[in-house]
C-alpha atoms as a PDB file:
ATOM      1  CA  MET A   1       9.029  -2.472 -19.750  1.00  0.00           C
ATOM      2  CA  ALA A   2       6.891  -5.367 -18.779  1.00  0.00           C
ATOM      3  CA  MET A   3       3.475  -5.302 -18.681  1.00  0.00           C
ATOM      4  CA  HIS A   4       3.037  -5.737 -14.788  1.00  0.00           C
ATOM      5  CA  ILE A   5       5.482  -3.556 -13.971  1.00  0.00           C
ATOM      6  CA  GLN A   6       3.501  -0.683 -15.586  1.00  0.00           C
ATOM      7  CA  THR A   7       0.375  -2.417 -14.634  1.00  0.00           C
ATOM      8  CA  GLY A   8       1.911  -1.887 -10.806  1.00  0.00           C
ATOM      9  CA  GLN A   9       3.411   1.543 -11.128  1.00  0.00           C
ATOM     10  CA  ARG A  10      -0.606   2.732 -12.598  1.00  0.00           C
ATOM     11  CA  GLY A  11      -2.233   1.357  -9.546  1.00  0.00           C
ATOM     12  CA  GLU A  12       0.189   2.863  -7.392  1.00  0.00           C
ATOM     13  CA  GLU A  13      -0.599   6.449  -8.819  1.00  0.00           C
ATOM     14  CA  LEU A  14      -4.149   6.359  -8.915  1.00  0.00           C
ATOM     15  CA  ALA A  15      -3.625   5.006  -5.338  1.00  0.00           C
ATOM     16  CA  PHE A  16      -1.949   7.905  -4.523  1.00  0.00           C
ATOM     17  CA  PHE A  17      -4.335  10.355  -5.748  1.00  0.00           C
ATOM     18  CA  TYR A  18      -7.161   8.840  -4.404  1.00  0.00           C
ATOM     19  CA  LEU A  19      -5.335   8.778  -0.878  1.00  0.00           C
ATOM     20  CA  GLN A  20      -4.596  12.193  -1.272  1.00  0.00           C
ATOM     21  CA  LYS A  21      -8.183  13.181  -1.858  1.00  0.00           C
ATOM     22  CA  ARG A  22      -9.398  11.253   1.212  1.00  0.00           C
ATOM     23  CA  GLY A  23      -7.220  13.409   3.312  1.00  0.00           C
ATOM     24  CA  TYR A  24      -3.905  11.167   3.389  1.00  0.00           C
ATOM     25  CA  LYS A  25      -0.666  13.011   3.660  1.00  0.00           C
ATOM     26  CA  ILE A  26       2.163  11.028   1.902  1.00  0.00           C
ATOM     27  CA  GLN A  27       5.386  10.880   3.094  1.00  0.00           C
ATOM     28  CA  GLU A  28       7.458   8.156   1.489  1.00  0.00           C
ATOM     29  CA  ARG A  29       6.526   6.475  -2.481  1.00  0.00           C
ATOM     30  CA  ASN A  30       8.141   2.836  -2.576  1.00  0.00           C
ATOM     31  CA  TRP A  31      10.342   3.028   0.523  1.00  0.00           C
ATOM     32  CA  ARG A  32      12.997   0.837   1.043  1.00  0.00           C
ATOM     33  CA  TYR A  33      14.518  -0.967   3.733  1.00  0.00           C
ATOM     34  CA  SER A  34      17.169  -3.783   2.421  1.00  0.00           C
ATOM     35  CA  ARG A  35      14.983  -6.422   0.359  1.00  0.00           C
ATOM     36  CA  TYR A  36      11.711  -5.303   1.438  1.00  0.00           C
ATOM     37  CA  GLU A  37       9.602  -2.089   0.007  1.00  0.00           C
ATOM     38  CA  ILE A  38       6.457  -0.364   1.456  1.00  0.00           C
ATOM     39  CA  ASP A  39       4.581   1.478  -1.388  1.00  0.00           C
ATOM     40  CA  LEU A  40       3.217   4.049   0.276  1.00  0.00           C
ATOM     41  CA  ILE A  41       3.642   5.638   3.739  1.00  0.00           C
ATOM     42  CA  ALA A  42       1.474   8.776   4.971  1.00  0.00           C
ATOM     43  CA  TYR A  43      -0.160  10.219   7.985  1.00  0.00           C
ATOM     44  CA  ASP A  44      -3.990   9.697   8.195  1.00  0.00           C
ATOM     45  CA  GLY A  45      -4.468  12.423  10.962  1.00  0.00           C
ATOM     46  CA  ASN A  46      -1.968  11.946  13.319  1.00  0.00           C
ATOM     47  CA  THR A  47      -2.190   7.905  12.171  1.00  0.00           C
ATOM     48  CA  LEU A  48       0.920   6.773  10.246  1.00  0.00           C
ATOM     49  CA  VAL A  49      -0.535   4.607   7.897  1.00  0.00           C
ATOM     50  CA  PHE A  50       1.864   1.352   5.772  1.00  0.00           C
ATOM     51  CA  ILE A  51       0.010   0.985   2.345  1.00  0.00           C
ATOM     52  CA  GLU A  52       0.548  -1.866  -0.105  1.00  0.00           C
ATOM     53  CA  VAL A  53      -1.452  -0.908  -3.257  1.00  0.00           C
ATOM     54  CA  LYS A  54      -2.181  -4.224  -4.854  1.00  0.00           C
ATOM     55  CA  THR A  55      -2.821  -4.248  -8.654  1.00  0.00           C
ATOM     56  CA  ARG A  56      -5.268  -6.234 -11.171  1.00  0.00           C
ATOM     57  CA  LYS A  57      -6.714  -6.104 -14.742  1.00  0.00           C
ATOM     58  CA  SER A  58      -8.960  -8.988 -13.791  1.00  0.00           C
ATOM     59  CA  ASN A  59     -10.490 -10.413 -10.414  1.00  0.00           C
ATOM     60  CA  LEU A  60     -10.541 -13.706 -12.558  1.00  0.00           C
ATOM     61  CA  TYR A  61      -8.013 -15.657  -9.822  1.00  0.00           C
ATOM     62  CA  GLY A  62      -9.441 -13.376  -6.987  1.00  0.00           C
ATOM     63  CA  GLU A  63      -9.217  -9.797  -5.669  1.00  0.00           C
ATOM     64  CA  PRO A  64      -6.201  -7.769  -5.316  1.00  0.00           C
ATOM     65  CA  LEU A  65      -6.395  -7.884  -1.957  1.00  0.00           C
ATOM     66  CA  ASP A  66      -6.261 -11.765  -2.059  1.00  0.00           C
ATOM     67  CA  PHE A  67      -2.717 -11.574  -2.718  1.00  0.00           C
ATOM     68  CA  VAL A  68      -1.350  -9.643   0.235  1.00  0.00           C
ATOM     69  CA  ASP A  69      -0.387 -12.957   2.041  1.00  0.00           C
ATOM     70  CA  ASP A  70       0.985 -13.629   5.364  1.00  0.00           C
ATOM     71  CA  GLY A  71       4.228 -13.493   3.554  1.00  0.00           C
ATOM     72  CA  LYS A  72       3.951 -10.057   2.183  1.00  0.00           C
ATOM     73  CA  GLN A  73       2.636  -8.621   5.450  1.00  0.00           C
ATOM     74  CA  LYS A  74       5.724 -10.060   7.534  1.00  0.00           C
ATOM     75  CA  LYS A  75       8.013  -8.097   5.118  1.00  0.00           C
ATOM     76  CA  ILE A  76       5.770  -4.596   5.195  1.00  0.00           C
ATOM     77  CA  ILE A  77       5.762  -4.956   9.058  1.00  0.00           C
ATOM     78  CA  ASN A  78       9.495  -5.931   9.144  1.00  0.00           C
ATOM     79  CA  ALA A  79      10.240  -2.619   7.010  1.00  0.00           C
ATOM     80  CA  ALA A  80       7.842  -0.548   8.647  1.00  0.00           C
ATOM     81  CA  GLU A  81       9.497  -0.945  12.295  1.00  0.00           C
ATOM     82  CA  ALA A  82      12.924  -0.096  10.088  1.00  0.00           C
ATOM     83  CA  TYR A  83      11.272   3.193   8.948  1.00  0.00           C
ATOM     84  CA  LEU A  84       9.243   3.532  12.773  1.00  0.00           C
ATOM     85  CA  HIS A  85      13.179   3.204  14.169  1.00  0.00           C
ATOM     86  CA  GLN A  86      14.174   5.406  11.460  1.00  0.00           C
ATOM     87  CA  ILE A  87      12.424   8.473  12.133  1.00  0.00           C
ATOM     88  CA  GLY A  88      11.351   7.534  15.672  1.00  0.00           C
ATOM     89  CA  HIS A  89       7.529   7.766  15.802  1.00  0.00           C
ATOM     90  CA  GLN A  90       5.779   6.800  18.844  1.00  0.00           C
ATOM     91  CA  GLY A  91       2.431   7.330  17.839  1.00  0.00           C
ATOM     92  CA  GLU A  92      -0.117   5.183  16.036  1.00  0.00           C
ATOM     93  CA  VAL A  93       0.359   3.174  13.092  1.00  0.00           C
ATOM     94  CA  ARG A  94      -1.994   1.619  10.829  1.00  0.00           C
ATOM     95  CA  PHE A  95      -1.625  -0.977   7.902  1.00  0.00           C
ATOM     96  CA  ASP A  96      -3.778  -0.558   4.971  1.00  0.00           C
ATOM     97  CA  ILE A  97      -4.282  -1.805   1.789  1.00  0.00           C
ATOM     98  CA  VAL A  98      -5.330  -0.295  -1.314  1.00  0.00           C
ATOM     99  CA  SER A  99      -7.248  -2.706  -4.278  1.00  0.00           C
ATOM    100  CA  VAL A 100      -6.932  -1.007  -7.716  1.00  0.00           C
ATOM    101  CA  LEU A 101      -8.799  -3.204 -10.441  1.00  0.00           C
ATOM    102  CA  LEU A 102      -7.759  -1.691 -13.944  1.00  0.00           C
ATOM    103  CA  GLN A 103     -10.601  -2.312 -16.377  1.00  0.00           C
ATOM    104  CA  LYS A 104     -11.116  -1.069 -19.837  1.00  0.00           C
ATOM    105  CA  THR A 105     -13.667   1.370 -19.156  1.00  0.00           C
ATOM    106  CA  LYS A 106     -12.586   2.557 -15.623  1.00  0.00           C
ATOM    107  CA  SER A 107     -10.721   2.025 -12.763  1.00  0.00           C
ATOM    108  CA  GLU A 108     -12.380   0.115  -9.303  1.00  0.00           C
ATOM    109  CA  ILE A 109     -10.289   1.336  -5.857  1.00  0.00           C
ATOM    110  CA  GLU A 110     -10.735   0.102  -2.781  1.00  0.00           C
ATOM    111  CA  LEU A 111      -9.049   1.425   0.191  1.00  0.00           C
ATOM    112  CA  ILE A 112      -9.161  -1.613   3.504  1.00  0.00           C
ATOM    113  CA  GLN A 113      -8.213  -0.035   6.440  1.00  0.00           C
ATOM    114  CA  ASP A 114      -6.293  -1.639   9.084  1.00  0.00           C
ATOM    115  CA  ALA A 115      -5.810  -4.595   7.100  1.00  0.00           C
ATOM    116  CA  PHE A 116      -3.365  -6.530   8.631  1.00  0.00           C
ATOM    117  CA  TRP A 117      -1.811  -5.764  12.227  1.00  0.00           C
ATOM    118  CA  SER A 118       1.433  -6.195  13.684  1.00  0.00           C
ATOM    119  CA  GLU A 119       2.088  -8.527  16.367  1.00  0.00           C
END
């Protein structure tokens, strides 16, 4: 398996447990719609949250969250709209990013709530 795929999977696993400890109720992992994917879908209280996990081994070229650009956000929003339609959700919705920096001695995890919005 390619190293970047292993890195991403490790980051998603760490994010999953991190969010569970914070009280998020995970509904889906790696949910796919067409060619789009949402890493995690969870409830934070009554709010349905779509979560993008970005993992890097170094922040030499920027923080992991810097790599969730406008194009990536639009893909997540499109997939989220399909998911909302599929389940008939009518409540609050939020888009979060979990930034995971994997380092040799420890990992740094940062949650950015309301990281971006749908129009």
